[in-house]
Amino acid sequence: MAGLYDVWVDKKTGKEIRSYTIITTTPNELVGKYHERLPVILKKEDEAVWLNPDMTEPEQLLPLLKPYAAEDMEEWQVGDAARNPRNDYPELIKPVEE
């Protein structure tokens, strides 16, 4: 996924702050059925461009910030336990019978 991070010092406290964000875009047809945003998913061949510290101009990176192709994704129904953020175990993403 495309994301940004920064490390800075809070002038009031002197504490080092590490901040992170995931960049989102409009959803493709698949994800749009469920949500109005989609994290930018980079193609493998675009990862080096995104991580290149010499790429500093927005025009160089903006073409990467597009919806991921719906045909390259899959969907399946999961159980209700996946709705609770306190739940965090691999079985949450296993398909359930409809």
PDB file of N, CA and C in Angstrom:
ATOM      1  N   MET A   1       0.840  -1.186   0.000  1.00  0.00           N
ATOM      2  CA  MET A   1       0.000   0.000   0.000  1.00  0.00           C
ATOM      3  C   MET A   1       0.877   1.237   0.000  1.00  0.00           C
ATOM      4  N   ALA A   2       0.358   2.269  -0.570  1.00  0.00           N
ATOM      5  CA  ALA A   2       1.077   3.542  -0.569  1.00  0.00           C
ATOM      6  C   ALA A   2       0.801   4.258   0.751  1.00  0.00           C
ATOM      7  N   GLY A   3       1.845   4.694   1.388  1.00  0.00           N
ATOM      8  CA  GLY A   3       1.695   5.410   2.649  1.00  0.00           C
ATOM      9  C   GLY A   3       2.779   6.452   2.793  1.00  0.00           C
ATOM     10  N   LEU A   4       2.629   7.251   3.810  1.00  0.00           N
ATOM     11  CA  LEU A   4       3.613   8.285   4.138  1.00  0.00           C
ATOM     12  C   LEU A   4       3.950   8.167   5.614  1.00  0.00           C
ATOM     13  N   TYR A   5       5.153   8.598   5.952  1.00  0.00           N
ATOM     14  CA  TYR A   5       5.519   8.655   7.360  1.00  0.00           C
ATOM     15  C   TYR A   5       6.367   9.896   7.591  1.00  0.00           C
ATOM     16  N   ASP A   6       6.438  10.299   8.826  1.00  0.00           N
ATOM     17  CA  ASP A   6       7.267  11.439   9.203  1.00  0.00           C
ATOM     18  C   ASP A   6       7.736  11.228  10.638  1.00  0.00           C
ATOM     19  N   VAL A   7       8.898  11.714  10.930  1.00  0.00           N
ATOM     20  CA  VAL A   7       9.429  11.725  12.293  1.00  0.00           C
ATOM     21  C   VAL A   7       9.743  13.173  12.601  1.00  0.00           C
ATOM     22  N   TRP A   8       9.151  13.689  13.677  1.00  0.00           N
ATOM     23  CA  TRP A   8       9.365  15.073  14.035  1.00  0.00           C
ATOM     24  C   TRP A   8       9.380  15.216  15.553  1.00  0.00           C
ATOM     25  N   VAL A   9       9.834  16.362  16.029  1.00  0.00           N
ATOM     26  CA  VAL A   9       9.945  16.611  17.463  1.00  0.00           C
ATOM     27  C   VAL A   9       8.908  17.644  17.862  1.00  0.00           C
ATOM     28  N   ASP A  10       8.094  17.288  18.859  1.00  0.00           N
ATOM     29  CA  ASP A  10       7.096  18.209  19.396  1.00  0.00           C
ATOM     30  C   ASP A  10       7.831  19.337  20.113  1.00  0.00           C
ATOM     31  N   LYS A  11       7.638  20.569  19.668  1.00  0.00           N
ATOM     32  CA  LYS A  11       8.362  21.717  20.240  1.00  0.00           C
ATOM     33  C   LYS A  11       8.012  21.961  21.701  1.00  0.00           C
ATOM     34  N   LYS A  12       6.807  21.606  22.108  1.00  0.00           N
ATOM     35  CA  LYS A  12       6.389  21.824  23.498  1.00  0.00           C
ATOM     36  C   LYS A  12       6.996  20.809  24.455  1.00  0.00           C
ATOM     37  N   THR A  13       7.024  19.539  24.024  1.00  0.00           N
ATOM     38  CA  THR A  13       7.466  18.480  24.938  1.00  0.00           C
ATOM     39  C   THR A  13       8.860  17.945  24.635  1.00  0.00           C
ATOM     40  N   GLY A  14       9.360  18.219  23.437  1.00  0.00           N
ATOM     41  CA  GLY A  14      10.652  17.675  23.027  1.00  0.00           C
ATOM     42  C   GLY A  14      10.585  16.199  22.661  1.00  0.00           C
ATOM     43  N   LYS A  15       9.395  15.644  22.688  1.00  0.00           N
ATOM     44  CA  LYS A  15       9.214  14.222  22.389  1.00  0.00           C
ATOM     45  C   LYS A  15       9.249  13.976  20.884  1.00  0.00           C
ATOM     46  N   GLU A  16       9.942  12.890  20.495  1.00  0.00           N
ATOM     47  CA  GLU A  16       9.970  12.493  19.090  1.00  0.00           C
ATOM     48  C   GLU A  16       8.654  11.808  18.733  1.00  0.00           C
ATOM     49  N   ILE A  17       8.036  12.261  17.675  1.00  0.00           N
ATOM     50  CA  ILE A  17       6.755  11.737  17.226  1.00  0.00           C
ATOM     51  C   ILE A  17       6.959  11.046  15.880  1.00  0.00           C
ATOM     52  N   ARG A  18       6.450   9.834  15.780  1.00  0.00           N
ATOM     53  CA  ARG A  18       6.459   9.104  14.505  1.00  0.00           C
ATOM     54  C   ARG A  18       5.012   9.018  14.039  1.00  0.00           C
ATOM     55  N   SER A  19       4.751   9.536  12.859  1.00  0.00           N
ATOM     56  CA  SER A  19       3.381   9.508  12.345  1.00  0.00           C
ATOM     57  C   SER A  19       3.346   8.807  10.997  1.00  0.00           C
ATOM     58  N   TYR A  20       2.237   8.125  10.752  1.00  0.00           N
ATOM     59  CA  TYR A  20       2.061   7.306   9.553  1.00  0.00           C
ATOM     60  C   TYR A  20       0.657   7.510   9.013  1.00  0.00           C
ATOM     61  N   THR A  21       0.510   7.344   7.722  1.00  0.00           N
ATOM     62  CA  THR A  21      -0.812   7.394   7.113  1.00  0.00           C
ATOM     63  C   THR A  21      -0.838   6.500   5.879  1.00  0.00           C
ATOM     64  N   ILE A  22      -1.984   5.926   5.607  1.00  0.00           N
ATOM     65  CA  ILE A  22      -2.201   5.166   4.384  1.00  0.00           C
ATOM     66  C   ILE A  22      -2.949   6.072   3.422  1.00  0.00           C
ATOM     67  N   ILE A  23      -2.480   6.151   2.205  1.00  0.00           N
ATOM     68  CA  ILE A  23      -3.127   6.993   1.197  1.00  0.00           C
ATOM     69  C   ILE A  23      -4.293   6.218   0.598  1.00  0.00           C
ATOM     70  N   THR A  24      -5.434   6.891   0.460  1.00  0.00           N
ATOM     71  CA  THR A  24      -6.616   6.269  -0.116  1.00  0.00           C
ATOM     72  C   THR A  24      -6.998   6.975  -1.416  1.00  0.00           C
ATOM     73  N   THR A  25      -7.831   6.299  -2.186  1.00  0.00           N
ATOM     74  CA  THR A  25      -8.336   6.830  -3.438  1.00  0.00           C
ATOM     75  C   THR A  25      -9.794   6.409  -3.582  1.00  0.00           C
ATOM     76  N   THR A  26     -10.380   6.736  -4.712  1.00  0.00           N
ATOM     77  CA  THR A  26     -11.754   6.294  -4.954  1.00  0.00           C
ATOM     78  C   THR A  26     -11.752   4.774  -5.128  1.00  0.00           C
ATOM     79  N   PRO A  27     -12.818   4.117  -4.775  1.00  0.00           N
ATOM     80  CA  PRO A  27     -12.833   2.659  -4.877  1.00  0.00           C
ATOM     81  C   PRO A  27     -13.041   2.178  -6.308  1.00  0.00           C
ATOM     82  N   ASN A  28     -12.596   0.964  -6.567  1.00  0.00           N
ATOM     83  CA  ASN A  28     -12.929   0.325  -7.830  1.00  0.00           C
ATOM     84  C   ASN A  28     -14.354  -0.235  -7.709  1.00  0.00           C
ATOM     85  N   GLU A  29     -14.834  -0.920  -8.750  1.00  0.00           N
ATOM     86  CA  GLU A  29     -16.212  -1.425  -8.747  1.00  0.00           C
ATOM     87  C   GLU A  29     -16.452  -2.440  -7.632  1.00  0.00           C
ATOM     88  N   LEU A  30     -15.473  -3.238  -7.329  1.00  0.00           N
ATOM     89  CA  LEU A  30     -15.628  -4.268  -6.302  1.00  0.00           C
ATOM     90  C   LEU A  30     -15.719  -3.655  -4.906  1.00  0.00           C
ATOM     91  N   VAL A  31     -14.742  -2.858  -4.543  1.00  0.00           N
ATOM     92  CA  VAL A  31     -14.706  -2.263  -3.199  1.00  0.00           C
ATOM     93  C   VAL A  31     -15.805  -1.216  -3.034  1.00  0.00           C
ATOM     94  N   GLY A  32     -16.187  -0.551  -4.110  1.00  0.00           N
ATOM     95  CA  GLY A  32     -17.224   0.479  -4.048  1.00  0.00           C
ATOM     96  C   GLY A  32     -18.569  -0.039  -3.566  1.00  0.00           C
ATOM     97  N   LYS A  33     -18.788  -1.353  -3.657  1.00  0.00           N
ATOM     98  CA  LYS A  33     -20.032  -1.936  -3.134  1.00  0.00           C
ATOM     99  C   LYS A  33     -20.076  -1.871  -1.608  1.00  0.00           C
ATOM    100  N   TYR A  34     -18.898  -1.709  -0.977  1.00  0.00           N
ATOM    101  CA  TYR A  34     -18.802  -1.787   0.478  1.00  0.00           C
ATOM    102  C   TYR A  34     -18.289  -0.518   1.146  1.00  0.00           C
ATOM    103  N   HIS A  35     -17.508   0.282   0.413  1.00  0.00           N
ATOM    104  CA  HIS A  35     -16.882   1.445   1.053  1.00  0.00           C
ATOM    105  C   HIS A  35     -16.595   2.521   0.019  1.00  0.00           C
ATOM    106  N   GLU A  36     -16.536   3.768   0.467  1.00  0.00           N
ATOM    107  CA  GLU A  36     -16.317   4.886  -0.450  1.00  0.00           C
ATOM    108  C   GLU A  36     -14.842   5.217  -0.685  1.00  0.00           C
ATOM    109  N   ARG A  37     -13.945   4.496  -0.027  1.00  0.00           N
ATOM    110  CA  ARG A  37     -12.505   4.701  -0.229  1.00  0.00           C
ATOM    111  C   ARG A  37     -11.804   3.359  -0.379  1.00  0.00           C
ATOM    112  N   LEU A  38     -10.622   3.417  -0.986  1.00  0.00           N
ATOM    113  CA  LEU A  38      -9.801   2.228  -1.182  1.00  0.00           C
ATOM    114  C   LEU A  38      -8.351   2.621  -0.919  1.00  0.00           C
ATOM    115  N   PRO A  39      -7.636   1.880  -0.082  1.00  0.00           N
ATOM    116  CA  PRO A  39      -6.207   2.176   0.055  1.00  0.00           C
ATOM    117  C   PRO A  39      -5.529   2.031  -1.313  1.00  0.00           C
ATOM    118  N   VAL A  40      -4.574   2.898  -1.587  1.00  0.00           N
ATOM    119  CA  VAL A  40      -3.818   2.768  -2.839  1.00  0.00           C
ATOM    120  C   VAL A  40      -2.943   1.527  -2.712  1.00  0.00           C
ATOM    121  N   ILE A  41      -3.200   0.552  -3.571  1.00  0.00           N
ATOM    122  CA  ILE A  41      -2.419  -0.679  -3.593  1.00  0.00           C
ATOM    123  C   ILE A  41      -1.463  -0.568  -4.770  1.00  0.00           C
ATOM    124  N   LEU A  42      -0.182  -0.589  -4.464  1.00  0.00           N
ATOM    125  CA  LEU A  42       0.820  -0.447  -5.511  1.00  0.00           C
ATOM    126  C   LEU A  42       1.066  -1.774  -6.215  1.00  0.00           C
ATOM    127  N   LYS A  43       1.296  -1.696  -7.516  1.00  0.00           N
ATOM    128  CA  LYS A  43       1.740  -2.880  -8.249  1.00  0.00           C
ATOM    129  C   LYS A  43       3.185  -3.140  -7.856  1.00  0.00           C
ATOM    130  N   LYS A  44       3.599  -4.388  -7.895  1.00  0.00           N
ATOM    131  CA  LYS A  44       4.962  -4.764  -7.507  1.00  0.00           C
ATOM    132  C   LYS A  44       6.000  -3.912  -8.245  1.00  0.00           C
ATOM    133  N   GLU A  45       5.791  -3.685  -9.533  1.00  0.00           N
ATOM    134  CA  GLU A  45       6.761  -2.924 -10.324  1.00  0.00           C
ATOM    135  C   GLU A  45       6.780  -1.432  -9.977  1.00  0.00           C
ATOM    136  N   ASP A  46       5.795  -0.942  -9.235  1.00  0.00           N
ATOM    137  CA  ASP A  46       5.759   0.466  -8.837  1.00  0.00           C
ATOM    138  C   ASP A  46       6.335   0.718  -7.441  1.00  0.00           C
ATOM    139  N   GLU A  47       6.581  -0.329  -6.683  1.00  0.00           N
ATOM    140  CA  GLU A  47       7.053  -0.160  -5.307  1.00  0.00           C
ATOM    141  C   GLU A  47       8.385   0.579  -5.243  1.00  0.00           C
ATOM    142  N   ALA A  48       9.320   0.255  -6.117  1.00  0.00           N
ATOM    143  CA  ALA A  48      10.633   0.917  -6.091  1.00  0.00           C
ATOM    144  C   ALA A  48      10.502   2.397  -6.407  1.00  0.00           C
ATOM    145  N   VAL A  49       9.601   2.744  -7.315  1.00  0.00           N
ATOM    146  CA  VAL A  49       9.375   4.160  -7.638  1.00  0.00           C
ATOM    147  C   VAL A  49       8.825   4.875  -6.409  1.00  0.00           C
ATOM    148  N   TRP A  50       7.825   4.280  -5.763  1.00  0.00           N
ATOM    149  CA  TRP A  50       7.202   4.904  -4.591  1.00  0.00           C
ATOM    150  C   TRP A  50       8.218   5.110  -3.463  1.00  0.00           C
ATOM    151  N   LEU A  51       9.108   4.173  -3.279  1.00  0.00           N
ATOM    152  CA  LEU A  51      10.073   4.234  -2.178  1.00  0.00           C
ATOM    153  C   LEU A  51      11.355   4.989  -2.531  1.00  0.00           C
ATOM    154  N   ASN A  52      11.514   5.418  -3.757  1.00  0.00           N
ATOM    155  CA  ASN A  52      12.719   6.123  -4.196  1.00  0.00           C
ATOM    156  C   ASN A  52      12.767   7.521  -3.575  1.00  0.00           C
ATOM    157  N   PRO A  53      13.746   7.811  -2.724  1.00  0.00           N
ATOM    158  CA  PRO A  53      13.808   9.123  -2.072  1.00  0.00           C
ATOM    159  C   PRO A  53      14.115  10.263  -3.046  1.00  0.00           C
ATOM    160  N   ASP A  54      14.581   9.947  -4.246  1.00  0.00           N
ATOM    161  CA  ASP A  54      14.849  10.982  -5.243  1.00  0.00           C
ATOM    162  C   ASP A  54      13.590  11.442  -5.967  1.00  0.00           C
ATOM    163  N   MET A  55      12.509  10.696  -5.818  1.00  0.00           N
ATOM    164  CA  MET A  55      11.233  11.087  -6.427  1.00  0.00           C
ATOM    165  C   MET A  55      10.533  12.064  -5.488  1.00  0.00           C
ATOM    166  N   THR A  56      10.689  13.341  -5.755  1.00  0.00           N
ATOM    167  CA  THR A  56      10.156  14.355  -4.842  1.00  0.00           C
ATOM    168  C   THR A  56       9.058  15.215  -5.447  1.00  0.00           C
ATOM    169  N   GLU A  57       8.880  15.130  -6.744  1.00  0.00           N
ATOM    170  CA  GLU A  57       7.864  15.946  -7.405  1.00  0.00           C
ATOM    171  C   GLU A  57       6.537  15.181  -7.472  1.00  0.00           C
ATOM    172  N   PRO A  58       5.446  15.828  -7.090  1.00  0.00           N
ATOM    173  CA  PRO A  58       4.144  15.151  -7.133  1.00  0.00           C
ATOM    174  C   PRO A  58       3.823  14.556  -8.509  1.00  0.00           C
ATOM    175  N   GLU A  59       4.235  15.231  -9.576  1.00  0.00           N
ATOM    176  CA  GLU A  59       3.940  14.739 -10.922  1.00  0.00           C
ATOM    177  C   GLU A  59       4.568  13.369 -11.181  1.00  0.00           C
ATOM    178  N   GLN A  60       5.632  13.048 -10.464  1.00  0.00           N
ATOM    179  CA  GLN A  60       6.290  11.751 -10.635  1.00  0.00           C
ATOM    180  C   GLN A  60       5.509  10.618  -9.967  1.00  0.00           C
ATOM    181  N   LEU A  61       4.775  10.960  -8.913  1.00  0.00           N
ATOM    182  CA  LEU A  61       4.111   9.935  -8.106  1.00  0.00           C
ATOM    183  C   LEU A  61       2.595   9.874  -8.283  1.00  0.00           C
ATOM    184  N   LEU A  62       1.992  10.961  -8.687  1.00  0.00           N
ATOM    185  CA  LEU A  62       0.533  10.986  -8.817  1.00  0.00           C
ATOM    186  C   LEU A  62      -0.022   9.880  -9.719  1.00  0.00           C
ATOM    187  N   PRO A  63       0.654   9.492 -10.803  1.00  0.00           N
ATOM    188  CA  PRO A  63       0.110   8.395 -11.616  1.00  0.00           C
ATOM    189  C   PRO A  63      -0.030   7.068 -10.869  1.00  0.00           C
ATOM    190  N   LEU A  64       0.663   6.906  -9.761  1.00  0.00           N
ATOM    191  CA  LEU A  64       0.573   5.666  -8.978  1.00  0.00           C
ATOM    192  C   LEU A  64      -0.657   5.643  -8.067  1.00  0.00           C
ATOM    193  N   LEU A  65      -1.241   6.804  -7.815  1.00  0.00           N
ATOM    194  CA  LEU A  65      -2.340   6.920  -6.844  1.00  0.00           C
ATOM    195  C   LEU A  65      -3.688   6.729  -7.520  1.00  0.00           C
ATOM    196  N   LYS A  66      -3.932   5.519  -7.948  1.00  0.00           N
ATOM    197  CA  LYS A  66      -5.171   5.197  -8.661  1.00  0.00           C
ATOM    198  C   LYS A  66      -5.780   3.933  -8.060  1.00  0.00           C
ATOM    199  N   PRO A  67      -7.063   3.703  -8.320  1.00  0.00           N
ATOM    200  CA  PRO A  67      -7.686   2.481  -7.800  1.00  0.00           C
ATOM    201  C   PRO A  67      -7.030   1.231  -8.374  1.00  0.00           C
ATOM    202  N   TYR A  68      -6.876   0.237  -7.542  1.00  0.00           N
ATOM    203  CA  TYR A  68      -6.358  -1.060  -7.957  1.00  0.00           C
ATOM    204  C   TYR A  68      -7.415  -1.741  -8.827  1.00  0.00           C
ATOM    205  N   ALA A  69      -6.991  -2.477  -9.811  1.00  0.00           N
ATOM    206  CA  ALA A  69      -7.931  -3.125 -10.738  1.00  0.00           C
ATOM    207  C   ALA A  69      -8.821  -4.140 -10.015  1.00  0.00           C
ATOM    208  N   ALA A  70     -10.125  -4.005 -10.164  1.00  0.00           N
ATOM    209  CA  ALA A  70     -11.077  -4.909  -9.516  1.00  0.00           C
ATOM    210  C   ALA A  70     -10.876  -6.352  -9.964  1.00  0.00           C
ATOM    211  N   GLU A  71     -10.503  -6.553 -11.213  1.00  0.00           N
ATOM    212  CA  GLU A  71     -10.329  -7.918 -11.709  1.00  0.00           C
ATOM    213  C   GLU A  71      -9.120  -8.620 -11.103  1.00  0.00           C
ATOM    214  N   ASP A  72      -8.253  -7.873 -10.431  1.00  0.00           N
ATOM    215  CA  ASP A  72      -7.094  -8.462  -9.763  1.00  0.00           C
ATOM    216  C   ASP A  72      -7.356  -8.711  -8.276  1.00  0.00           C
ATOM    217  N   MET A  73      -8.621  -8.557  -7.855  1.00  0.00           N
ATOM    218  CA  MET A  73      -8.993  -8.747  -6.460  1.00  0.00           C
ATOM    219  C   MET A  73     -10.015  -9.873  -6.356  1.00  0.00           C
ATOM    220  N   GLU A  74     -10.197 -10.376  -5.140  1.00  0.00           N
ATOM    221  CA  GLU A  74     -11.215 -11.384  -4.850  1.00  0.00           C
ATOM    222  C   GLU A  74     -12.065 -10.895  -3.689  1.00  0.00           C
ATOM    223  N   GLU A  75     -13.254 -11.437  -3.574  1.00  0.00           N
ATOM    224  CA  GLU A  75     -14.108 -11.129  -2.416  1.00  0.00           C
ATOM    225  C   GLU A  75     -14.770 -12.401  -1.929  1.00  0.00           C
ATOM    226  N   TRP A  76     -15.037 -12.444  -0.615  1.00  0.00           N
ATOM    227  CA  TRP A  76     -15.788 -13.540  -0.020  1.00  0.00           C
ATOM    228  C   TRP A  76     -16.346 -13.052   1.301  1.00  0.00           C
ATOM    229  N   GLN A  77     -17.407 -13.698   1.734  1.00  0.00           N
ATOM    230  CA  GLN A  77     -18.065 -13.336   2.983  1.00  0.00           C
ATOM    231  C   GLN A  77     -17.304 -13.926   4.157  1.00  0.00           C
ATOM    232  N   VAL A  78     -17.143 -13.109   5.210  1.00  0.00           N
ATOM    233  CA  VAL A  78     -16.508 -13.574   6.439  1.00  0.00           C
ATOM    234  C   VAL A  78     -17.527 -13.485   7.570  1.00  0.00           C
ATOM    235  N   GLY A  79     -17.213 -14.091   8.700  1.00  0.00           N
ATOM    236  CA  GLY A  79     -18.118 -14.094   9.841  1.00  0.00           C
ATOM    237  C   GLY A  79     -18.229 -12.732  10.516  1.00  0.00           C
ATOM    238  N   ASP A  80     -19.252 -12.573  11.326  1.00  0.00           N
ATOM    239  CA  ASP A  80     -19.512 -11.311  12.021  1.00  0.00           C
ATOM    240  C   ASP A  80     -18.394 -10.911  12.980  1.00  0.00           C
ATOM    241  N   ALA A  81     -17.616 -11.861  13.459  1.00  0.00           N
ATOM    242  CA  ALA A  81     -16.533 -11.539  14.391  1.00  0.00           C
ATOM    243  C   ALA A  81     -15.500 -10.603  13.756  1.00  0.00           C
ATOM    244  N   ALA A  82     -15.428 -10.583  12.433  1.00  0.00           N
ATOM    245  CA  ALA A  82     -14.477  -9.710  11.738  1.00  0.00           C
ATOM    246  C   ALA A  82     -14.832  -8.236  11.896  1.00  0.00           C
ATOM    247  N   ARG A  83     -16.030  -7.924  12.304  1.00  0.00           N
ATOM    248  CA  ARG A  83     -16.457  -6.525  12.488  1.00  0.00           C
ATOM    249  C   ARG A  83     -15.907  -5.890  13.762  1.00  0.00           C
ATOM    250  N   ASN A  84     -15.446  -6.706  14.680  1.00  0.00           N
ATOM    251  CA  ASN A  84     -14.971  -6.192  15.960  1.00  0.00           C
ATOM    252  C   ASN A  84     -13.449  -6.021  15.896  1.00  0.00           C
ATOM    253  N   PRO A  85     -12.936  -4.780  16.024  1.00  0.00           N
ATOM    254  CA  PRO A  85     -11.493  -4.561  15.927  1.00  0.00           C
ATOM    255  C   PRO A  85     -10.684  -5.218  17.045  1.00  0.00           C
ATOM    256  N   ARG A  86     -11.346  -5.642  18.120  1.00  0.00           N
ATOM    257  CA  ARG A  86     -10.630  -6.341  19.189  1.00  0.00           C
ATOM    258  C   ARG A  86     -10.260  -7.764  18.794  1.00  0.00           C
ATOM    259  N   ASN A  87     -10.940  -8.274  17.792  1.00  0.00           N
ATOM    260  CA  ASN A  87     -10.636  -9.615  17.303  1.00  0.00           C
ATOM    261  C   ASN A  87      -9.475  -9.532  16.326  1.00  0.00           C
ATOM    262  N   ASP A  88      -8.475 -10.363  16.534  1.00  0.00           N
ATOM    263  CA  ASP A  88      -7.291 -10.335  15.671  1.00  0.00           C
ATOM    264  C   ASP A  88      -6.676 -11.728  15.618  1.00  0.00           C
ATOM    265  N   TYR A  89      -7.213 -12.560  14.745  1.00  0.00           N
ATOM    266  CA  TYR A  89      -6.676 -13.899  14.564  1.00  0.00           C
ATOM    267  C   TYR A  89      -6.959 -14.330  13.126  1.00  0.00           C
ATOM    268  N   PRO A  90      -6.124 -15.205  12.567  1.00  0.00           N
ATOM    269  CA  PRO A  90      -6.197 -15.555  11.144  1.00  0.00           C
ATOM    270  C   PRO A  90      -7.547 -16.103  10.679  1.00  0.00           C
ATOM    271  N   GLU A  91      -8.251 -16.811  11.547  1.00  0.00           N
ATOM    272  CA  GLU A  91      -9.516 -17.436  11.144  1.00  0.00           C
ATOM    273  C   GLU A  91     -10.592 -16.399  10.770  1.00  0.00           C
ATOM    274  N   LEU A  92     -10.402 -15.145  11.173  1.00  0.00           N
ATOM    275  CA  LEU A  92     -11.397 -14.104  10.870  1.00  0.00           C
ATOM    276  C   LEU A  92     -11.625 -13.932   9.380  1.00  0.00           C
ATOM    277  N   ILE A  93     -10.602 -14.200   8.566  1.00  0.00           N
ATOM    278  CA  ILE A  93     -10.742 -13.956   7.129  1.00  0.00           C
ATOM    279  C   ILE A  93     -11.107 -15.211   6.336  1.00  0.00           C
ATOM    280  N   LYS A  94     -11.369 -16.285   7.029  1.00  0.00           N
ATOM    281  CA  LYS A  94     -11.778 -17.503   6.325  1.00  0.00           C
ATOM    282  C   LYS A  94     -13.208 -17.322   5.812  1.00  0.00           C
ATOM    283  N   PRO A  95     -13.491 -17.817   4.600  1.00  0.00           N
ATOM    284  CA  PRO A  95     -14.852 -17.700   4.054  1.00  0.00           C
ATOM    285  C   PRO A  95     -15.868 -18.479   4.896  1.00  0.00           C
ATOM    286  N   VAL A  96     -17.065 -17.947   4.955  1.00  0.00           N
ATOM    287  CA  VAL A  96     -18.175 -18.640   5.607  1.00  0.00           C
ATOM    288  C   VAL A  96     -19.160 -19.078   4.534  1.00  0.00           C
ATOM    289  N   GLU A  97     -19.948 -20.083   4.857  1.00  0.00           N
ATOM    290  CA  GLU A  97     -20.998 -20.547   3.934  1.00  0.00           C
ATOM    291  C   GLU A  97     -22.091 -19.502   3.893  1.00  0.00           C
ATOM    292  N   GLU A  98     -22.635 -19.269   2.742  1.00  0.00           N
ATOM    293  CA  GLU A  98     -23.745 -18.293   2.622  1.00  0.00           C
ATOM    294  C   GLU A  98     -25.069 -18.913   2.934  1.00  0.00           C
TER     295      GLU A  98
END
